[in-house]
PDB file of N, CA and C in Angstrom:
ATOM      1  N   MET A   1      77.471  58.178  61.229  1.00  0.00           N
ATOM      2  CA  MET A   1      76.896  58.874  60.069  1.00  0.00           C
ATOM      3  C   MET A   1      78.311  59.719  59.792  1.00  0.00           C
ATOM      4  N   THR A   2      78.307  59.839  58.242  1.00  0.00           N
ATOM      5  CA  THR A   2      79.269  60.599  57.819  1.00  0.00           C
ATOM      6  C   THR A   2      79.021  62.014  57.772  1.00  0.00           C
ATOM      7  N   ALA A   3      79.976  62.767  57.509  1.00  0.00           N
ATOM      8  CA  ALA A   3      79.705  64.315  57.359  1.00  0.00           C
ATOM      9  C   ALA A   3      78.809  64.764  56.268  1.00  0.00           C
ATOM     10  N   LYS A   4      78.948  64.097  55.363  1.00  0.00           N
ATOM     11  CA  LYS A   4      77.989  64.079  54.010  1.00  0.00           C
ATOM     12  C   LYS A   4      76.544  63.844  54.396  1.00  0.00           C
ATOM     13  N   GLN A   5      76.355  62.897  55.138  1.00  0.00           N
ATOM     14  CA  GLN A   5      75.061  62.377  55.502  1.00  0.00           C
ATOM     15  C   GLN A   5      74.420  63.453  56.454  1.00  0.00           C
ATOM     16  N   PHE A   6      75.248  63.719  57.501  1.00  0.00           N
ATOM     17  CA  PHE A   6      75.019  64.863  58.508  1.00  0.00           C
ATOM     18  C   PHE A   6      74.383  65.801  57.759  1.00  0.00           C
ATOM     19  N   LEU A   7      75.064  66.488  56.870  1.00  0.00           N
ATOM     20  CA  LEU A   7      74.677  67.904  56.177  1.00  0.00           C
ATOM     21  C   LEU A   7      73.353  67.732  55.494  1.00  0.00           C
ATOM     22  N   GLN A   8      73.450  66.331  54.699  1.00  0.00           N
ATOM     23  CA  GLN A   8      72.109  66.203  53.782  1.00  0.00           C
ATOM     24  C   GLN A   8      70.962  66.119  54.842  1.00  0.00           C
ATOM     25  N   VAL A   9      70.998  65.465  56.001  1.00  0.00           N
ATOM     26  CA  VAL A   9      69.935  65.552  56.858  1.00  0.00           C
ATOM     27  C   VAL A   9      69.544  66.865  57.377  1.00  0.00           C
ATOM     28  N   ALA A  10      70.683  67.543  57.686  1.00  0.00           N
ATOM     29  CA  ALA A  10      70.360  68.965  58.081  1.00  0.00           C
ATOM     30  C   ALA A  10      69.725  69.851  57.175  1.00  0.00           C
ATOM     31  N   LYS A  11      70.118  69.760  55.954  1.00  0.00           N
ATOM     32  CA  LYS A  11      69.569  70.437  54.729  1.00  0.00           C
ATOM     33  C   LYS A  11      68.223  70.032  54.680  1.00  0.00           C
ATOM     34  N   ALA A  12      67.783  68.674  54.730  1.00  0.00           N
ATOM     35  CA  ALA A  12      66.511  68.299  54.611  1.00  0.00           C
ATOM     36  C   ALA A  12      65.542  68.887  55.774  1.00  0.00           C
ATOM     37  N   LEU A  13      66.176  68.939  56.900  1.00  0.00           N
ATOM     38  CA  LEU A  13      65.440  69.458  57.988  1.00  0.00           C
ATOM     39  C   LEU A  13      65.306  70.807  58.150  1.00  0.00           C
ATOM     40  N   ALA A  14      66.076  71.730  57.473  1.00  0.00           N
ATOM     41  CA  ALA A  14      66.025  73.170  57.459  1.00  0.00           C
ATOM     42  C   ALA A  14      64.919  73.647  56.679  1.00  0.00           C
ATOM     43  N   ASP A  15      64.327  72.951  55.872  1.00  0.00           N
ATOM     44  CA  ASP A  15      63.030  73.663  54.993  1.00  0.00           C
ATOM     45  C   ASP A  15      61.763  73.330  55.857  1.00  0.00           C
ATOM     46  N   PRO A  16      61.048  74.308  56.031  1.00  0.00           N
ATOM     47  CA  PRO A  16      59.922  74.267  56.995  1.00  0.00           C
ATOM     48  C   PRO A  16      58.793  73.417  56.270  1.00  0.00           C
ATOM     49  N   GLN A  17      58.524  73.251  55.086  1.00  0.00           N
ATOM     50  CA  GLN A  17      57.681  72.361  54.372  1.00  0.00           C
ATOM     51  C   GLN A  17      58.024  70.912  54.580  1.00  0.00           C
ATOM     52  N   ARG A  18      59.349  70.685  54.449  1.00  0.00           N
ATOM     53  CA  ARG A  18      59.805  69.264  54.728  1.00  0.00           C
ATOM     54  C   ARG A  18      59.833  68.867  56.162  1.00  0.00           C
ATOM     55  N   LEU A  19      60.083  69.617  56.904  1.00  0.00           N
ATOM     56  CA  LEU A  19      59.918  69.432  58.401  1.00  0.00           C
ATOM     57  C   LEU A  19      58.474  69.109  58.745  1.00  0.00           C
ATOM     58  N   ALA A  20      57.569  69.786  58.271  1.00  0.00           N
ATOM     59  CA  ALA A  20      56.220  69.541  58.410  1.00  0.00           C
ATOM     60  C   ALA A  20      55.610  68.353  57.738  1.00  0.00           C
ATOM     61  N   ILE A  21      56.227  67.928  56.661  1.00  0.00           N
ATOM     62  CA  ILE A  21      55.966  66.749  56.114  1.00  0.00           C
ATOM     63  C   ILE A  21      56.468  65.469  56.937  1.00  0.00           C
ATOM     64  N   LEU A  22      57.719  65.597  57.302  1.00  0.00           N
ATOM     65  CA  LEU A  22      58.324  64.574  58.159  1.00  0.00           C
ATOM     66  C   LEU A  22      57.556  64.435  59.477  1.00  0.00           C
ATOM     67  N   GLU A  23      57.132  65.465  60.040  1.00  0.00           N
ATOM     68  CA  GLU A  23      56.243  65.471  61.372  1.00  0.00           C
ATOM     69  C   GLU A  23      54.931  64.759  61.044  1.00  0.00           C
ATOM     70  N   ARG A  24      54.464  65.131  60.003  1.00  0.00           N
ATOM     71  CA  ARG A  24      52.966  64.373  59.695  1.00  0.00           C
ATOM     72  C   ARG A  24      53.314  62.987  59.530  1.00  0.00           C
ATOM     73  N   ILE A  25      54.339  62.464  58.695  1.00  0.00           N
ATOM     74  CA  ILE A  25      54.527  61.003  58.514  1.00  0.00           C
ATOM     75  C   ILE A  25      54.772  60.426  59.863  1.00  0.00           C
ATOM     76  N   ALA A  26      55.596  60.967  60.687  1.00  0.00           N
ATOM     77  CA  ALA A  26      56.102  60.546  62.166  1.00  0.00           C
ATOM     78  C   ALA A  26      54.917  60.423  62.966  1.00  0.00           C
ATOM     79  N   ALA A  27      53.696  61.300  62.753  1.00  0.00           N
ATOM     80  CA  ALA A  27      52.579  61.213  63.617  1.00  0.00           C
ATOM     81  C   ALA A  27      51.598  59.928  63.123  1.00  0.00           C
ATOM     82  N   GLU A  28      51.913  59.272  62.221  1.00  0.00           N
ATOM     83  CA  GLU A  28      51.091  58.410  61.838  1.00  0.00           C
ATOM     84  C   GLU A  28      51.692  56.946  62.487  1.00  0.00           C
ATOM     85  N   PRO A  29      50.681  56.259  63.284  1.00  0.00           N
ATOM     86  CA  PRO A  29      51.203  55.196  63.990  1.00  0.00           C
ATOM     87  C   PRO A  29      52.051  54.034  63.037  1.00  0.00           C
ATOM     88  N   GLY A  30      51.342  53.933  61.743  1.00  0.00           N
ATOM     89  CA  GLY A  30      52.127  52.944  60.963  1.00  0.00           C
ATOM     90  C   GLY A  30      52.603  53.715  59.589  1.00  0.00           C
ATOM     91  N   GLU A  31      52.326  53.287  58.260  1.00  0.00           N
ATOM     92  CA  GLU A  31      52.644  53.924  57.191  1.00  0.00           C
ATOM     93  C   GLU A  31      51.615  54.871  57.055  1.00  0.00           C
ATOM     94  N   LEU A  32      51.962  56.094  56.174  1.00  0.00           N
ATOM     95  CA  LEU A  32      51.068  56.938  55.656  1.00  0.00           C
ATOM     96  C   LEU A  32      50.739  56.811  54.211  1.00  0.00           C
ATOM     97  N   PRO A  33      49.962  56.743  53.712  1.00  0.00           N
ATOM     98  CA  PRO A  33      49.591  56.737  52.242  1.00  0.00           C
ATOM     99  C   PRO A  33      49.877  57.838  51.710  1.00  0.00           C
ATOM    100  N   CYS A  34      50.714  57.974  50.731  1.00  0.00           N
ATOM    101  CA  CYS A  34      51.052  59.212  49.929  1.00  0.00           C
ATOM    102  C   CYS A  34      49.801  59.974  49.520  1.00  0.00           C
ATOM    103  N   LYS A  35      49.053  59.156  48.937  1.00  0.00           N
ATOM    104  CA  LYS A  35      47.954  59.832  48.394  1.00  0.00           C
ATOM    105  C   LYS A  35      47.101  60.731  49.522  1.00  0.00           C
ATOM    106  N   ARG A  36      47.116  60.231  50.903  1.00  0.00           N
ATOM    107  CA  ARG A  36      46.665  61.173  51.855  1.00  0.00           C
ATOM    108  C   ARG A  36      47.494  62.161  52.214  1.00  0.00           C
ATOM    109  N   LEU A  37      48.734  62.041  52.221  1.00  0.00           N
ATOM    110  CA  LEU A  37      49.730  63.252  52.508  1.00  0.00           C
ATOM    111  C   LEU A  37      49.372  64.320  51.358  1.00  0.00           C
ATOM    112  N   VAL A  38      49.300  63.943  50.066  1.00  0.00           N
ATOM    113  CA  VAL A  38      49.110  64.983  49.082  1.00  0.00           C
ATOM    114  C   VAL A  38      47.787  65.590  49.317  1.00  0.00           C
ATOM    115  N   GLU A  39      46.664  64.935  49.552  1.00  0.00           N
ATOM    116  CA  GLU A  39      45.383  65.631  49.847  1.00  0.00           C
ATOM    117  C   GLU A  39      45.392  66.586  50.940  1.00  0.00           C
ATOM    118  N   GLU A  40      46.152  66.211  51.806  1.00  0.00           N
ATOM    119  CA  GLU A  40      46.023  67.190  53.180  1.00  0.00           C
ATOM    120  C   GLU A  40      46.960  68.366  53.239  1.00  0.00           C
ATOM    121  N   LEU A  41      47.911  68.172  52.290  1.00  0.00           N
ATOM    122  CA  LEU A  41      48.844  69.406  52.223  1.00  0.00           C
ATOM    123  C   LEU A  41      48.543  70.374  51.140  1.00  0.00           C
ATOM    124  N   PRO A  42      48.420  71.871  51.565  1.00  0.00           N
ATOM    125  CA  PRO A  42      48.112  72.872  50.490  1.00  0.00           C
ATOM    126  C   PRO A  42      49.067  73.227  49.534  1.00  0.00           C
ATOM    127  N   VAL A  43      49.960  72.165  48.950  1.00  0.00           N
ATOM    128  CA  VAL A  43      50.692  72.409  47.962  1.00  0.00           C
ATOM    129  C   VAL A  43      50.420  71.643  46.798  1.00  0.00           C
ATOM    130  N   SER A  44      51.105  71.748  45.677  1.00  0.00           N
ATOM    131  CA  SER A  44      50.839  70.895  44.496  1.00  0.00           C
ATOM    132  C   SER A  44      51.406  69.483  44.812  1.00  0.00           C
ATOM    133  N   GLN A  45      50.982  68.586  43.870  1.00  0.00           N
ATOM    134  CA  GLN A  45      51.659  67.125  44.051  1.00  0.00           C
ATOM    135  C   GLN A  45      53.026  67.221  43.650  1.00  0.00           C
ATOM    136  N   ALA A  46      53.373  67.906  42.561  1.00  0.00           N
ATOM    137  CA  ALA A  46      54.822  68.094  42.405  1.00  0.00           C
ATOM    138  C   ALA A  46      55.674  68.694  43.320  1.00  0.00           C
ATOM    139  N   THR A  47      55.182  69.626  44.273  1.00  0.00           N
ATOM    140  CA  THR A  47      55.943  70.097  45.333  1.00  0.00           C
ATOM    141  C   THR A  47      56.122  69.083  46.324  1.00  0.00           C
ATOM    142  N   VAL A  48      54.953  68.045  46.604  1.00  0.00           N
ATOM    143  CA  VAL A  48      55.303  67.062  47.631  1.00  0.00           C
ATOM    144  C   VAL A  48      56.106  66.222  47.219  1.00  0.00           C
ATOM    145  N   SER A  49      56.122  65.667  45.838  1.00  0.00           N
ATOM    146  CA  SER A  49      56.936  64.798  45.330  1.00  0.00           C
ATOM    147  C   SER A  49      58.345  65.311  45.457  1.00  0.00           C
ATOM    148  N   HIS A  50      58.810  66.489  45.356  1.00  0.00           N
ATOM    149  CA  HIS A  50      59.960  67.123  45.382  1.00  0.00           C
ATOM    150  C   HIS A  50      60.622  66.958  46.924  1.00  0.00           C
ATOM    151  N   HIS A  51      59.557  67.462  47.786  1.00  0.00           N
ATOM    152  CA  HIS A  51      60.113  67.271  49.110  1.00  0.00           C
ATOM    153  C   HIS A  51      60.305  65.756  49.621  1.00  0.00           C
ATOM    154  N   LEU A  52      59.456  64.931  49.256  1.00  0.00           N
ATOM    155  CA  LEU A  52      59.613  63.445  49.336  1.00  0.00           C
ATOM    156  C   LEU A  52      60.918  63.050  48.903  1.00  0.00           C
ATOM    157  N   ARG A  53      61.286  63.307  47.725  1.00  0.00           N
ATOM    158  CA  ARG A  53      62.560  62.843  47.005  1.00  0.00           C
ATOM    159  C   ARG A  53      63.758  63.469  48.008  1.00  0.00           C
ATOM    160  N   GLU A  54      63.617  64.635  48.394  1.00  0.00           N
ATOM    161  CA  GLU A  54      64.733  65.099  49.449  1.00  0.00           C
ATOM    162  C   GLU A  54      64.895  64.418  50.695  1.00  0.00           C
ATOM    163  N   LEU A  55      63.598  64.135  51.385  1.00  0.00           N
ATOM    164  CA  LEU A  55      63.791  63.472  52.601  1.00  0.00           C
ATOM    165  C   LEU A  55      64.206  61.931  52.326  1.00  0.00           C
ATOM    166  N   THR A  56      63.805  61.375  51.175  1.00  0.00           N
ATOM    167  CA  THR A  56      64.281  60.031  51.006  1.00  0.00           C
ATOM    168  C   THR A  56      65.716  60.083  50.705  1.00  0.00           C
ATOM    169  N   GLU A  57      66.286  60.919  49.878  1.00  0.00           N
ATOM    170  CA  GLU A  57      67.866  60.915  49.622  1.00  0.00           C
ATOM    171  C   GLU A  57      68.495  61.186  51.010  1.00  0.00           C
ATOM    172  N   ALA A  58      67.935  62.018  51.791  1.00  0.00           N
ATOM    173  CA  ALA A  58      68.524  62.237  53.062  1.00  0.00           C
ATOM    174  C   ALA A  58      68.483  60.899  54.137  1.00  0.00           C
ATOM    175  N   GLY A  59      67.757  59.971  53.638  1.00  0.00           N
ATOM    176  CA  GLY A  59      67.518  58.784  54.497  1.00  0.00           C
ATOM    177  C   GLY A  59      66.696  58.994  55.608  1.00  0.00           C
ATOM    178  N   LEU A  60      65.791  59.779  55.593  1.00  0.00           N
ATOM    179  CA  LEU A  60      64.808  60.277  56.562  1.00  0.00           C
ATOM    180  C   LEU A  60      63.560  59.544  56.515  1.00  0.00           C
ATOM    181  N   ILE A  61      63.227  59.239  55.278  1.00  0.00           N
ATOM    182  CA  ILE A  61      61.846  58.274  55.127  1.00  0.00           C
ATOM    183  C   ILE A  61      62.107  57.209  54.113  1.00  0.00           C
ATOM    184  N   GLU A  62      61.145  56.237  54.364  1.00  0.00           N
ATOM    185  CA  GLU A  62      61.244  55.212  53.359  1.00  0.00           C
ATOM    186  C   GLU A  62      59.848  54.966  52.598  1.00  0.00           C
ATOM    187  N   VAL A  63      59.966  54.651  51.349  1.00  0.00           N
ATOM    188  CA  VAL A  63      58.774  54.845  50.477  1.00  0.00           C
ATOM    189  C   VAL A  63      58.608  53.281  50.217  1.00  0.00           C
ATOM    190  N   ARG A  64      57.410  52.830  50.572  1.00  0.00           N
ATOM    191  CA  ARG A  64      57.167  51.353  50.000  1.00  0.00           C
ATOM    192  C   ARG A  64      56.132  51.427  48.868  1.00  0.00           C
ATOM    193  N   ARG A  65      56.335  50.822  47.768  1.00  0.00           N
ATOM    194  CA  ARG A  65      55.281  50.976  46.690  1.00  0.00           C
ATOM    195  C   ARG A  65      54.664  49.617  46.673  1.00  0.00           C
ATOM    196  N   GLU A  66      53.350  49.667  46.403  1.00  0.00           N
ATOM    197  CA  GLU A  66      52.636  48.525  46.309  1.00  0.00           C
ATOM    198  C   GLU A  66      51.495  48.913  45.293  1.00  0.00           C
ATOM    199  N   ALA A  67      51.627  48.240  44.059  1.00  0.00           N
ATOM    200  CA  ALA A  67      50.760  48.390  42.829  1.00  0.00           C
ATOM    201  C   ALA A  67      51.061  49.817  42.427  1.00  0.00           C
ATOM    202  N   GLN A  68      49.927  50.567  42.441  1.00  0.00           N
ATOM    203  CA  GLN A  68      49.842  51.873  41.951  1.00  0.00           C
ATOM    204  C   GLN A  68      50.074  52.899  43.307  1.00  0.00           C
ATOM    205  N   SER A  69      50.295  52.381  44.301  1.00  0.00           N
ATOM    206  CA  SER A  69      50.122  53.270  45.685  1.00  0.00           C
ATOM    207  C   SER A  69      51.573  53.302  46.429  1.00  0.00           C
ATOM    208  N   ALA A  70      51.759  54.400  47.178  1.00  0.00           N
ATOM    209  CA  ALA A  70      52.986  54.453  47.871  1.00  0.00           C
ATOM    210  C   ALA A  70      52.692  54.706  49.328  1.00  0.00           C
ATOM    211  N   PHE A  71      53.604  54.190  50.123  1.00  0.00           N
ATOM    212  CA  PHE A  71      53.133  54.423  51.691  1.00  0.00           C
ATOM    213  C   PHE A  71      54.589  54.868  52.390  1.00  0.00           C
ATOM    214  N   LEU A  72      54.244  55.781  53.222  1.00  0.00           N
ATOM    215  CA  LEU A  72      55.462  56.606  53.784  1.00  0.00           C
ATOM    216  C   LEU A  72      55.683  56.174  55.109  1.00  0.00           C
ATOM    217  N   SER A  73      56.984  56.045  55.436  1.00  0.00           N
ATOM    218  CA  SER A  73      57.336  55.912  56.997  1.00  0.00           C
ATOM    219  C   SER A  73      58.668  56.614  57.416  1.00  0.00           C
ATOM    220  N   VAL A  74      58.794  56.979  58.454  1.00  0.00           N
ATOM    221  CA  VAL A  74      59.894  57.445  59.120  1.00  0.00           C
ATOM    222  C   VAL A  74      61.015  56.497  59.285  1.00  0.00           C
ATOM    223  N   ARG A  75      62.254  56.728  58.975  1.00  0.00           N
ATOM    224  CA  ARG A  75      63.496  55.926  59.346  1.00  0.00           C
ATOM    225  C   ARG A  75      64.133  56.449  60.433  1.00  0.00           C
ATOM    226  N   ARG A  76      63.488  56.062  61.594  1.00  0.00           N
ATOM    227  CA  ARG A  76      63.789  56.505  63.053  1.00  0.00           C
ATOM    228  C   ARG A  76      65.362  56.337  63.392  1.00  0.00           C
ATOM    229  N   ALA A  77      66.059  55.342  62.614  1.00  0.00           N
ATOM    230  CA  ALA A  77      67.483  54.970  63.067  1.00  0.00           C
ATOM    231  C   ALA A  77      68.158  56.241  62.583  1.00  0.00           C
ATOM    232  N   THR A  78      67.765  56.933  61.313  1.00  0.00           N
ATOM    233  CA  THR A  78      68.477  58.108  60.788  1.00  0.00           C
ATOM    234  C   THR A  78      68.257  59.211  61.903  1.00  0.00           C
ATOM    235  N   LEU A  79      67.121  59.442  62.197  1.00  0.00           N
ATOM    236  CA  LEU A  79      66.835  60.633  63.077  1.00  0.00           C
ATOM    237  C   LEU A  79      67.793  60.329  64.551  1.00  0.00           C
ATOM    238  N   HIS A  80      67.896  59.055  64.980  1.00  0.00           N
ATOM    239  CA  HIS A  80      68.574  58.783  66.053  1.00  0.00           C
ATOM    240  C   HIS A  80      70.096  59.139  65.948  1.00  0.00           C
ATOM    241  N   ALA A  81      70.609  58.631  64.638  1.00  0.00           N
ATOM    242  CA  ALA A  81      71.907  58.688  64.329  1.00  0.00           C
ATOM    243  C   ALA A  81      72.337  60.304  64.180  1.00  0.00           C
ATOM    244  N   TYR A  82      71.322  60.982  63.646  1.00  0.00           N
ATOM    245  CA  TYR A  82      71.267  62.432  63.299  1.00  0.00           C
ATOM    246  C   TYR A  82      71.469  63.174  64.714  1.00  0.00           C
ATOM    247  N   ARG A  83      70.547  62.880  65.653  1.00  0.00           N
ATOM    248  CA  ARG A  83      70.515  63.387  67.049  1.00  0.00           C
ATOM    249  C   ARG A  83      71.893  63.118  67.712  1.00  0.00           C
ATOM    250  N   LYS A  84      72.296  62.044  67.613  1.00  0.00           N
ATOM    251  CA  LYS A  84      73.555  61.610  68.320  1.00  0.00           C
ATOM    252  C   LYS A  84      74.842  62.261  67.676  1.00  0.00           C
ATOM    253  N   GLU A  85      74.812  62.408  66.519  1.00  0.00           N
ATOM    254  CA  GLU A  85      75.996  63.099  65.750  1.00  0.00           C
ATOM    255  C   GLU A  85      75.982  64.686  66.114  1.00  0.00           C
ATOM    256  N   LEU A  86      74.753  65.209  66.166  1.00  0.00           N
ATOM    257  CA  LEU A  86      74.601  66.597  66.500  1.00  0.00           C
ATOM    258  C   LEU A  86      75.193  66.939  68.029  1.00  0.00           C
ATOM    259  N   GLY A  87      74.718  66.078  68.936  1.00  0.00           N
ATOM    260  CA  GLY A  87      75.091  65.966  70.226  1.00  0.00           C
ATOM    261  C   GLY A  87      76.642  65.794  70.429  1.00  0.00           C
ATOM    262  N   GLN A  88      77.174  65.022  69.736  1.00  0.00           N
ATOM    263  CA  GLN A  88      78.949  64.907  69.580  1.00  0.00           C
ATOM    264  C   GLN A  88      79.366  66.220  69.027  1.00  0.00           C
ATOM    265  N   ARG A  89      78.818  66.668  67.983  1.00  0.00           N
ATOM    266  CA  ARG A  89      79.516  67.943  67.196  1.00  0.00           C
ATOM    267  C   ARG A  89      79.285  69.035  67.997  1.00  0.00           C
ATOM    268  N   MET A  90      78.293  69.333  68.799  1.00  0.00           N
ATOM    269  CA  MET A  90      78.205  70.435  69.693  1.00  0.00           C
ATOM    270  C   MET A  90      78.356  70.219  71.080  1.00  0.00           C
ATOM    271  N   ALA A  91      79.189  69.080  71.418  1.00  0.00           N
ATOM    272  CA  ALA A  91      79.614  68.931  72.694  1.00  0.00           C
ATOM    273  C   ALA A  91      78.645  68.718  73.701  1.00  0.00           C
ATOM    274  N   LEU A  92      77.392  68.375  73.341  1.00  0.00           N
ATOM    275  CA  LEU A  92      76.391  68.333  74.226  1.00  0.00           C
ATOM    276  C   LEU A  92      76.249  67.011  75.186  1.00  0.00           C
ATOM    277  N   ASP A  93      77.060  66.056  74.831  1.00  0.00           N
ATOM    278  CA  ASP A  93      77.065  64.769  75.476  1.00  0.00           C
ATOM    279  C   ASP A  93      78.149  64.727  76.680  1.00  0.00           C
ATOM    280  N   SER A  94      79.026  65.979  76.698  1.00  0.00           N
ATOM    281  CA  SER A  94      79.950  65.918  77.869  1.00  0.00           C
ATOM    282  C   SER A  94      79.695  66.587  78.911  1.00  0.00           C
TER     283      SER A  94
END
């Protein structure tokens, strides 16, 4: 993970709403329909879209489109890489 990627993930995770969205997506056993996420959250669709874009750009989620629908899933490899990088940067692995 590059320094730029590390900082992008850290920034994405620092926002409480984005973290809650990521936790909700991660709690789904498979993919989470984007429509359901929008219905569950007490914020506008535009706000959800903004947060999803930030999470996607940070590499934390994947968005699969099928016809008019979108399905969300967590990119666990990114989370594992971030955790590993954080451990190395904070000397937690020694």
